[in-house]
Protein backbone atom coordinates (compact mmCIF):
# COMPACT_ATOMS: atom_id res chain seq x y z
CA MET A 1 107.73 118.50 87.80
CA ARG A 2 104.52 117.83 87.31
CA ILE A 3 103.26 114.14 87.69
CA SER A 4 100.29 113.10 86.00
CA GLU A 5 97.37 110.90 87.18
CA GLU A 6 97.93 108.90 84.16
CA GLU A 7 101.81 108.11 84.93
CA VAL A 8 100.25 107.34 88.73
CA ARG A 9 98.24 104.72 87.26
CA ARG A 10 100.81 103.32 85.12
CA VAL A 11 103.10 102.84 88.34
CA ALA A 12 100.74 101.59 90.41
CA GLU A 13 100.00 98.80 87.68
CA LEU A 14 103.44 98.05 87.97
CA ALA A 15 103.35 97.66 91.95
CA ASN A 16 100.37 95.02 90.83
CA LEU A 17 98.42 98.33 93.13
CA ALA A 18 94.70 98.42 93.32
CA LEU A 19 94.01 102.47 93.94
CA THR A 20 90.78 104.65 94.31
CA ASP A 21 90.98 107.84 91.76
CA GLU A 22 91.00 109.51 95.19
CA GLU A 23 94.23 107.99 96.09
CA VAL A 24 95.78 108.65 92.24
CA ALA A 25 95.05 111.83 92.72
CA ARG A 26 96.49 112.30 96.05
CA LEU A 27 99.55 110.64 94.97
CA ALA A 28 100.08 112.78 91.68
CA VAL A 29 100.18 116.03 93.74
CA ASP A 30 102.49 114.22 96.55
CA LEU A 31 105.02 113.13 94.60
CA SER A 32 104.66 116.14 92.19
CA GLY A 33 105.75 118.17 95.39
CA ILE A 34 108.79 115.38 95.60
CA LEU A 35 110.24 116.10 92.74
CA THR A 36 109.80 119.88 93.04
CA HIS A 37 111.61 119.43 96.13
CA VAL A 38 114.06 117.32 94.91
CA ASP A 39 114.39 119.65 91.76
CA GLU A 40 115.30 122.50 94.29
CA LEU A 41 117.81 120.57 96.14
CA ASN A 42 119.88 119.97 92.84
CA LYS A 43 120.15 123.05 92.26
CA LEU A 44 122.09 123.48 95.25
CA ASP A 45 126.09 123.53 95.02
CA THR A 46 127.74 120.94 97.40
CA SER A 47 130.78 121.08 95.82
CA ASP A 48 132.29 121.67 98.61
CA VAL A 49 130.36 119.68 101.19
CA GLU A 50 131.83 116.33 102.05
CA PRO A 51 130.43 112.82 101.97
CA MET A 52 128.87 111.93 105.23
CA SER A 53 128.44 107.77 104.36
CA GLN A 54 129.48 105.59 107.37
CA VAL A 55 131.76 103.93 105.03
CA LEU A 56 133.97 107.06 104.46
CA TYR A 57 134.69 107.46 108.06
CA ASP A 58 137.57 105.77 109.91
CA ALA A 59 135.58 103.75 113.10
CA GLU A 60 136.40 104.59 116.79
CA PRO A 61 137.31 101.39 119.27
CA THR A 62 133.92 102.17 120.62
CA ALA A 63 131.67 102.40 117.17
CA THR A 64 129.38 99.97 116.50
CA LEU A 65 130.23 98.53 113.47
CA ARG A 66 131.42 95.20 113.91
CA GLU A 67 134.44 93.46 112.31
CA ASP A 68 132.98 91.19 109.28
CA GLN A 69 133.39 87.40 110.75
CA GLU A 70 133.68 84.24 108.38
CA ARG A 71 131.43 82.05 110.17
CA PRO A 72 130.11 78.50 108.00
CA SER A 73 126.43 79.50 106.73
CA LEU A 74 123.23 76.85 106.86
CA SER A 75 122.87 74.13 105.10
CA ASN A 76 119.89 74.12 103.49
CA GLN A 77 117.90 71.43 105.55
CA GLU A 78 118.31 74.17 107.99
CA ALA A 79 117.11 76.64 106.31
CA LEU A 80 114.08 74.52 105.39
CA ALA A 81 113.04 73.90 109.11
CA SER A 82 111.07 76.65 109.91
CA ALA A 83 109.76 77.55 105.91
CA PRO A 84 106.31 77.00 106.22
CA SER A 85 106.11 75.30 103.13
CA ALA A 86 109.08 73.42 100.67
CA GLY A 87 110.05 70.89 98.59
CA SER A 88 112.65 69.34 96.79
CA GLY A 89 115.37 71.49 98.42
CA TYR A 90 113.35 75.00 97.90
CA PHE A 91 111.09 77.76 99.57
CA LYS A 92 107.61 76.79 98.00
CA VAL A 93 105.67 80.36 97.56
CA PRO A 94 102.56 80.98 96.42
CA LYS A 95 102.67 82.85 93.28
CA VAL A 96 101.94 86.02 93.65
CA ILE A 97 101.80 87.55 89.68
CA GLU A 98 98.67 86.33 88.00
CA ARG A 99 99.00 88.16 84.24
C-alpha cells in the first residue's frame, strides 16, 4: 500500500506536527513499507495459532502479576498537592490548541 506525501501532511496537521519536506518524504516511504509488511502478515493463516495474550493464561504463583486490591483513592486535595498549577479544584494546563 502506498501512502502519499499529501496523506502524511494531513496526518501531521491533525497531530499538530511541523514536518520538513524531507521528513514528509521519508515518512511516506517508511509508512508505505510498514503497511506493505502488514499486508503480507494479513495473508498468513493464523486460524490454528493460540492467542498469546497475558490475559488469557493462568498465572503461576510466582508470576509477576498481582491481585487487584481495593484501596482508597486520593482526595482532590492530595491529587492537586503536587500540581504545578491548580485552581477551583482542578489541574490547570496551558492551552495547546491554537486553531
